[in-house]
Amino acid sequence: MPRGGYRPGAGRPKGSRSFKAGRQEEPAPARDLSERSGQPQHQSPLDYMLGVMNDQTADDATRDRMAIAAAPYVHGRAGGGPGKKEGKADRATQAGKTGRFATPPTPARLVVNNS
């Protein structure tokens, strides 16, 4: 059984209009939120989230979602101490300085006996 190649009747019919030519409606203009909030047009996504979060006229659920989304960028994690890898490296450094794994001191004087 042959596979691939020319198949009669396959493809777009001749004389059909393309997708762009058949489209009658124009796209809706982008909403300009800067007029409503009084902020400049070019703002970072974080600034936008904080603006929506502080907007008293916005829906409470929307304000809550924006606060949750902006929180990691504004506040650090709790317990900002060293993580697992940093703690392990610190413990290894301390073990190398003292105890059984410490580097022995160099001898004060080398004696050469060539008799």
Foldseek 3Di string as FASTA:
>chain_A
DDDDDDDPPDDDDPPDDDPVVPDDDDDDDDDQCCVVQVDDRDDDPLVVLVSQLPDPPDDPVSNVVSCVVNVCVPDPDPPPDDDDVVVVVVVVVVPCCDDDNDDDDDDPDDDDDDD
